[in-house]
Amino acid sequence: MFIAKSENYRANTRQAATLTARPAILITPEEGREPAILLRSSGQIHGVLPLGEGMRLATEIADIIAAQREAQQ
């Protein structure tokens, strides 16, 4: 498990508040169009995910939330 340093708490929570996900389109090498997800924070693009990778990441996040909530009970 990653442990973030206390001196970075404000910066981490500020950045987390600016993270957004939006619909996107990936243009394939063959000039086709593929639905995707844009990850952005404070106007900066952090990634464009194909839908399968977006589902994988969403599942990982949901599993982490569930496990950490359960550990707190």
C-alpha atoms as a PDB file:
ATOM      1  CA  MET A   1       0.000   0.000   0.000  1.00  0.00           C
ATOM      2  CA  PHE A   2       1.262   3.475  -0.903  1.00  0.00           C
ATOM      3  CA  ILE A   3       1.482   5.910   2.026  1.00  0.00           C
ATOM      4  CA  ALA A   4       1.376   9.613   1.142  1.00  0.00           C
ATOM      5  CA  LYS A   5       3.421  11.951   3.325  1.00  0.00           C
ATOM      6  CA  SER A   6       1.545  14.352   5.591  1.00  0.00           C
ATOM      7  CA  GLU A   7       3.311  17.374   4.098  1.00  0.00           C
ATOM      8  CA  ASN A   8       1.616  16.557   0.771  1.00  0.00           C
ATOM      9  CA  TYR A   9      -1.906  16.263   2.220  1.00  0.00           C
ATOM     10  CA  ARG A  10      -3.183  19.655   1.024  1.00  0.00           C
ATOM     11  CA  ALA A  11      -1.665  19.283  -2.447  1.00  0.00           C
ATOM     12  CA  ASN A  12      -3.079  15.742  -2.793  1.00  0.00           C
ATOM     13  CA  THR A  13      -6.595  16.728  -1.700  1.00  0.00           C
ATOM     14  CA  ARG A  14      -6.541  19.874  -3.896  1.00  0.00           C
ATOM     15  CA  GLN A  15      -5.513  17.830  -6.932  1.00  0.00           C
ATOM     16  CA  ALA A  16      -8.104  15.140  -6.163  1.00  0.00           C
ATOM     17  CA  ALA A  17     -10.826  17.801  -6.151  1.00  0.00           C
ATOM     18  CA  THR A  18      -9.865  18.859  -9.681  1.00  0.00           C
ATOM     19  CA  LEU A  19      -9.736  15.381 -11.278  1.00  0.00           C
ATOM     20  CA  THR A  20     -12.454  14.857 -13.856  1.00  0.00           C
ATOM     21  CA  ALA A  21     -13.433  12.183 -16.346  1.00  0.00           C
ATOM     22  CA  ARG A  22     -15.131  13.118 -19.626  1.00  0.00           C
ATOM     23  CA  PRO A  23     -16.189  11.263 -22.774  1.00  0.00           C
ATOM     24  CA  ALA A  24     -13.542  11.197 -25.479  1.00  0.00           C
ATOM     25  CA  ILE A  25     -12.758   9.669 -28.856  1.00  0.00           C
ATOM     26  CA  LEU A  26      -9.511   7.873 -29.697  1.00  0.00           C
ATOM     27  CA  ILE A  27      -8.504   8.023 -33.340  1.00  0.00           C
ATOM     28  CA  THR A  28      -6.961   4.680 -34.330  1.00  0.00           C
ATOM     29  CA  PRO A  29      -3.893   4.351 -36.590  1.00  0.00           C
ATOM     30  CA  GLU A  30      -6.333   3.379 -39.375  1.00  0.00           C
ATOM     31  CA  GLU A  31      -8.251   6.657 -38.769  1.00  0.00           C
ATOM     32  CA  GLY A  32     -11.146   4.847 -37.098  1.00  0.00           C
ATOM     33  CA  ARG A  33     -12.899   6.267 -34.057  1.00  0.00           C
ATOM     34  CA  GLU A  34     -13.042   4.486 -30.723  1.00  0.00           C
ATOM     35  CA  PRO A  35     -14.984   5.641 -27.636  1.00  0.00           C
ATOM     36  CA  ALA A  36     -12.716   6.563 -24.743  1.00  0.00           C
ATOM     37  CA  ILE A  37     -12.437   8.412 -21.430  1.00  0.00           C
ATOM     38  CA  LEU A  38     -10.446  11.600 -20.905  1.00  0.00           C
ATOM     39  CA  LEU A  39      -8.786  12.054 -17.484  1.00  0.00           C
ATOM     40  CA  ARG A  40      -8.006  15.679 -16.704  1.00  0.00           C
ATOM     41  CA  SER A  41      -6.922  17.781 -13.727  1.00  0.00           C
ATOM     42  CA  SER A  42      -6.715  21.578 -13.645  1.00  0.00           C
ATOM     43  CA  GLY A  43      -6.832  21.746 -17.421  1.00  0.00           C
ATOM     44  CA  GLN A  44      -4.035  19.219 -17.906  1.00  0.00           C
ATOM     45  CA  ILE A  45      -4.719  15.941 -19.686  1.00  0.00           C
ATOM     46  CA  HIS A  46      -3.492  12.974 -17.660  1.00  0.00           C
ATOM     47  CA  GLY A  47      -4.626  10.274 -20.046  1.00  0.00           C
ATOM     48  CA  VAL A  48      -7.112   9.045 -22.619  1.00  0.00           C
ATOM     49  CA  LEU A  49      -8.313   5.533 -21.828  1.00  0.00           C
ATOM     50  CA  PRO A  50     -10.014   3.064 -24.163  1.00  0.00           C
ATOM     51  CA  LEU A  51     -13.283   1.901 -22.584  1.00  0.00           C
ATOM     52  CA  GLY A  52     -11.829  -1.451 -21.500  1.00  0.00           C
ATOM     53  CA  GLU A  53      -9.015   0.241 -19.582  1.00  0.00           C
ATOM     54  CA  GLY A  54     -11.501   2.693 -18.104  1.00  0.00           C
ATOM     55  CA  MET A  55     -13.597  -0.221 -16.809  1.00  0.00           C
ATOM     56  CA  ARG A  56     -10.484  -1.893 -15.398  1.00  0.00           C
ATOM     57  CA  LEU A  57      -9.470   1.285 -13.579  1.00  0.00           C
ATOM     58  CA  ALA A  58     -13.013   1.955 -12.335  1.00  0.00           C
ATOM     59  CA  THR A  59     -13.193  -1.595 -10.957  1.00  0.00           C
ATOM     60  CA  GLU A  60      -9.836  -1.224  -9.205  1.00  0.00           C
ATOM     61  CA  ILE A  61     -10.981   2.054  -7.626  1.00  0.00           C
ATOM     62  CA  ALA A  62     -14.330   0.582  -6.554  1.00  0.00           C
ATOM     63  CA  ASP A  63     -12.591  -2.466  -5.023  1.00  0.00           C
ATOM     64  CA  ILE A  64     -10.171  -0.236  -3.088  1.00  0.00           C
ATOM     65  CA  ILE A  65     -13.021   1.929  -1.773  1.00  0.00           C
ATOM     66  CA  ALA A  66     -14.989  -1.142  -0.651  1.00  0.00           C
ATOM     67  CA  ALA A  67     -11.960  -2.742   1.040  1.00  0.00           C
ATOM     68  CA  GLN A  68     -10.943   0.435   2.865  1.00  0.00           C
ATOM     69  CA  ARG A  69     -14.512   1.130   4.032  1.00  0.00           C
ATOM     70  CA  GLU A  70     -14.794  -2.442   5.297  1.00  0.00           C
ATOM     71  CA  ALA A  71     -11.471  -2.139   7.142  1.00  0.00           C
ATOM     72  CA  GLN A  72     -12.749   0.989   8.927  1.00  0.00           C
ATOM     73  CA  GLN A  73     -15.769  -0.815  10.373  1.00  0.00           C
END
